[in-house]
Amino acid sequence: MSVTDAEAQVMQVLWERHPRSAEEVVAALASSTDWAEPTVKTLLNRLLNKGAIEATREGRRYLYSPVLAREAWVAQQSEGLLQRLFDGRVAPLVAHFSQRGRLSEADIAELRRLLEEIDDDAG
């Protein structure tokens, strides 16, 4: 499922807490965007049409909840990034950030821990 960057911002609001009304989504996005209510409603309708969210009627309003799990979206996005930029390989991605000084000591420690877990699982 293809979700645009703008739609992803709406999804993030719904992943954080749901169900939410359109007005609640607008309010949640107010600090990070300058989108008017019609813009947010358009994005909600696009996400509904894609099947990424669902709407349930409550009185005179609709409440929106995600159908697309954040983990599934992150997996899709990260796989796409790896394929587009690094031919599907993780090591060049890590090397890219390492060469640009973007890995903190905490990041390096986390990578070492993950590599040890992979070694333990493989052995």
C-alpha atoms as a PDB file:
ATOM      1  CA  MET A   1       0.000   0.000   0.000  1.00  0.00           C
ATOM      2  CA  SER A   2       1.431   3.347  -1.042  1.00  0.00           C
ATOM      3  CA  VAL A   3       1.086   6.112   1.548  1.00  0.00           C
ATOM      4  CA  THR A   4       2.325   9.624   0.724  1.00  0.00           C
ATOM      5  CA  ASP A   5       4.375  11.683   3.176  1.00  0.00           C
ATOM      6  CA  ALA A   6       1.341  13.844   4.009  1.00  0.00           C
ATOM      7  CA  GLU A   7      -0.844  10.775   4.523  1.00  0.00           C
ATOM      8  CA  ALA A   8       1.857   9.300   6.758  1.00  0.00           C
ATOM      9  CA  GLN A   9       1.579  12.331   9.047  1.00  0.00           C
ATOM     10  CA  VAL A  10      -2.145  11.643   9.435  1.00  0.00           C
ATOM     11  CA  MET A  11      -1.425   7.955  10.011  1.00  0.00           C
ATOM     12  CA  GLN A  12       1.098   8.852  12.734  1.00  0.00           C
ATOM     13  CA  VAL A  13      -1.615  10.791  14.587  1.00  0.00           C
ATOM     14  CA  LEU A  14      -3.940   7.778  14.373  1.00  0.00           C
ATOM     15  CA  TRP A  15      -1.223   5.312  15.377  1.00  0.00           C
ATOM     16  CA  GLU A  16      -0.543   7.396  18.482  1.00  0.00           C
ATOM     17  CA  ARG A  17      -4.186   7.286  19.581  1.00  0.00           C
ATOM     18  CA  HIS A  18      -7.393   6.090  18.019  1.00  0.00           C
ATOM     19  CA  PRO A  19     -10.196   6.320  17.281  1.00  0.00           C
ATOM     20  CA  ARG A  20     -10.152  10.047  16.560  1.00  0.00           C
ATOM     21  CA  SER A  21     -12.582  12.388  14.857  1.00  0.00           C
ATOM     22  CA  ALA A  22     -11.491  14.546  11.927  1.00  0.00           C
ATOM     23  CA  GLU A  23     -11.467  17.556  14.270  1.00  0.00           C
ATOM     24  CA  GLU A  24      -9.167  15.716  16.674  1.00  0.00           C
ATOM     25  CA  VAL A  25      -6.823  14.807  13.825  1.00  0.00           C
ATOM     26  CA  VAL A  26      -6.771  18.462  12.689  1.00  0.00           C
ATOM     27  CA  ALA A  27      -5.965  19.589  16.239  1.00  0.00           C
ATOM     28  CA  ALA A  28      -3.211  16.992  16.613  1.00  0.00           C
ATOM     29  CA  LEU A  29      -1.587  18.152  13.368  1.00  0.00           C
ATOM     30  CA  ALA A  30      -1.937  21.878  14.119  1.00  0.00           C
ATOM     31  CA  SER A  31       1.446  22.168  15.835  1.00  0.00           C
ATOM     32  CA  SER A  32       3.374  20.492  13.019  1.00  0.00           C
ATOM     33  CA  THR A  33       1.469  21.630   9.895  1.00  0.00           C
ATOM     34  CA  ASP A  34      -0.533  24.581   8.684  1.00  0.00           C
ATOM     35  CA  TRP A  35      -3.179  22.373   7.095  1.00  0.00           C
ATOM     36  CA  ALA A  36      -6.769  23.560   7.129  1.00  0.00           C
ATOM     37  CA  GLU A  37      -9.561  21.166   8.044  1.00  0.00           C
ATOM     38  CA  PRO A  38     -10.507  20.472   4.380  1.00  0.00           C
ATOM     39  CA  THR A  39      -6.938  19.346   3.669  1.00  0.00           C
ATOM     40  CA  VAL A  40      -6.963  16.896   6.573  1.00  0.00           C
ATOM     41  CA  LYS A  41     -10.392  15.596   5.549  1.00  0.00           C
ATOM     42  CA  THR A  42      -9.099  15.053   2.015  1.00  0.00           C
ATOM     43  CA  LEU A  43      -6.157  13.070   3.396  1.00  0.00           C
ATOM     44  CA  LEU A  44      -8.496  11.036   5.615  1.00  0.00           C
ATOM     45  CA  ASN A  45     -10.683  10.253   2.586  1.00  0.00           C
ATOM     46  CA  ARG A  46      -7.667   9.180   0.545  1.00  0.00           C
ATOM     47  CA  LEU A  47      -6.559   6.867   3.357  1.00  0.00           C
ATOM     48  CA  LEU A  48     -10.091   5.463   3.606  1.00  0.00           C
ATOM     49  CA  ASN A  49     -10.143   4.774  -0.149  1.00  0.00           C
ATOM     50  CA  LYS A  50      -6.778   3.001   0.109  1.00  0.00           C
ATOM     51  CA  GLY A  51      -7.990   0.868   3.018  1.00  0.00           C
ATOM     52  CA  ALA A  52      -5.295   2.234   5.337  1.00  0.00           C
ATOM     53  CA  ILE A  53      -7.884   3.478   7.840  1.00  0.00           C
ATOM     54  CA  GLU A  54     -11.487   2.757   8.701  1.00  0.00           C
ATOM     55  CA  ALA A  55     -14.287   5.036   9.830  1.00  0.00           C
ATOM     56  CA  THR A  56     -17.094   4.247  12.232  1.00  0.00           C
ATOM     57  CA  ARG A  57     -20.085   6.504  12.619  1.00  0.00           C
ATOM     58  CA  GLU A  58     -20.716   7.965  16.051  1.00  0.00           C
ATOM     59  CA  GLY A  59     -23.755  10.202  16.019  1.00  0.00           C
ATOM     60  CA  ARG A  60     -23.161  12.904  13.421  1.00  0.00           C
ATOM     61  CA  ARG A  61     -19.424  12.377  13.110  1.00  0.00           C
ATOM     62  CA  TYR A  62     -16.992   9.674  12.047  1.00  0.00           C
ATOM     63  CA  LEU A  63     -14.204   8.251  14.147  1.00  0.00           C
ATOM     64  CA  TYR A  64     -11.085   7.104  12.322  1.00  0.00           C
ATOM     65  CA  SER A  65      -8.774   4.233  13.226  1.00  0.00           C
ATOM     66  CA  PRO A  66      -5.791   2.730  11.423  1.00  0.00           C
ATOM     67  CA  VAL A  67      -6.109  -0.546   9.560  1.00  0.00           C
ATOM     68  CA  LEU A  68      -2.538  -0.435   8.284  1.00  0.00           C
ATOM     69  CA  ALA A  69      -0.238  -1.338  11.177  1.00  0.00           C
ATOM     70  CA  ARG A  70       2.658   1.040  11.773  1.00  0.00           C
ATOM     71  CA  GLU A  71       5.074  -1.904  11.817  1.00  0.00           C
ATOM     72  CA  ALA A  72       3.913  -3.017   8.360  1.00  0.00           C
ATOM     73  CA  TRP A  73       4.309   0.506   6.991  1.00  0.00           C
ATOM     74  CA  VAL A  74       7.788   0.900   8.513  1.00  0.00           C
ATOM     75  CA  ALA A  75       8.837  -2.456   7.043  1.00  0.00           C
ATOM     76  CA  GLN A  76       7.561  -1.413   3.608  1.00  0.00           C
ATOM     77  CA  GLN A  77       9.273   1.979   3.786  1.00  0.00           C
ATOM     78  CA  SER A  78      12.594   0.625   5.030  1.00  0.00           C
ATOM     79  CA  GLU A  79      12.655  -2.142   2.427  1.00  0.00           C
ATOM     80  CA  GLY A  80      11.926   0.399  -0.302  1.00  0.00           C
ATOM     81  CA  LEU A  81      14.713   2.659   0.948  1.00  0.00           C
ATOM     82  CA  LEU A  82      17.206  -0.201   1.010  1.00  0.00           C
ATOM     83  CA  GLN A  83      16.238  -1.294  -2.505  1.00  0.00           C
ATOM     84  CA  ARG A  84      16.328   2.212  -3.991  1.00  0.00           C
ATOM     85  CA  LEU A  85      19.533   3.448  -2.404  1.00  0.00           C
ATOM     86  CA  PHE A  86      21.617   0.438  -1.381  1.00  0.00           C
ATOM     87  CA  ASP A  87      20.618  -2.415  -3.711  1.00  0.00           C
ATOM     88  CA  GLY A  88      18.775  -4.108  -0.842  1.00  0.00           C
ATOM     89  CA  ARG A  89      21.862  -4.350   1.399  1.00  0.00           C
ATOM     90  CA  VAL A  90      22.003  -3.135   5.004  1.00  0.00           C
ATOM     91  CA  ALA A  91      25.799  -2.897   5.420  1.00  0.00           C
ATOM     92  CA  PRO A  92      26.195  -0.028   2.897  1.00  0.00           C
ATOM     93  CA  LEU A  93      23.404   1.851   4.699  1.00  0.00           C
ATOM     94  CA  VAL A  94      25.220   1.585   8.029  1.00  0.00           C
ATOM     95  CA  ALA A  95      28.514   2.514   6.346  1.00  0.00           C
ATOM     96  CA  HIS A  96      26.838   5.580   4.829  1.00  0.00           C
ATOM     97  CA  PHE A  97      25.796   6.884   8.248  1.00  0.00           C
ATOM     98  CA  SER A  98      29.095   5.912   9.810  1.00  0.00           C
ATOM     99  CA  GLN A  99      31.121   7.809   7.208  1.00  0.00           C
ATOM    100  CA  ARG A 100      29.089  10.932   7.846  1.00  0.00           C
ATOM    101  CA  GLY A 101      29.516  10.816  11.616  1.00  0.00           C
ATOM    102  CA  ARG A 102      25.827  10.143  12.143  1.00  0.00           C
ATOM    103  CA  LEU A 103      26.269   7.171  14.484  1.00  0.00           C
ATOM    104  CA  SER A 104      26.438   7.999  18.179  1.00  0.00           C
ATOM    105  CA  GLU A 105      28.195   5.814  20.738  1.00  0.00           C
ATOM    106  CA  ALA A 106      24.738   4.562  21.749  1.00  0.00           C
ATOM    107  CA  ASP A 107      23.944   3.665  18.114  1.00  0.00           C
ATOM    108  CA  ILE A 108      27.215   1.755  17.791  1.00  0.00           C
ATOM    109  CA  ALA A 109      26.577  -0.119  21.053  1.00  0.00           C
ATOM    110  CA  GLU A 110      23.077  -1.015  19.822  1.00  0.00           C
ATOM    111  CA  LEU A 111      24.460  -2.268  16.507  1.00  0.00           C
ATOM    112  CA  ARG A 112      27.033  -4.419  18.332  1.00  0.00           C
ATOM    113  CA  ARG A 113      24.275  -5.866  20.532  1.00  0.00           C
ATOM    114  CA  LEU A 114      22.135  -6.648  17.488  1.00  0.00           C
ATOM    115  CA  LEU A 115      25.060  -8.319  15.694  1.00  0.00           C
ATOM    116  CA  GLU A 116      25.729 -10.459  18.767  1.00  0.00           C
ATOM    117  CA  GLU A 117      22.070 -11.517  18.818  1.00  0.00           C
ATOM    118  CA  ILE A 118      22.272 -12.429  15.133  1.00  0.00           C
ATOM    119  CA  ASP A 119      25.433 -14.470  15.789  1.00  0.00           C
ATOM    120  CA  ASP A 120      23.753 -16.241  18.728  1.00  0.00           C
ATOM    121  CA  ASP A 121      20.681 -17.050  16.619  1.00  0.00           C
ATOM    122  CA  ALA A 122      22.770 -18.294  13.704  1.00  0.00           C
ATOM    123  CA  GLY A 123      25.047 -20.444  15.839  1.00  0.00           C
END
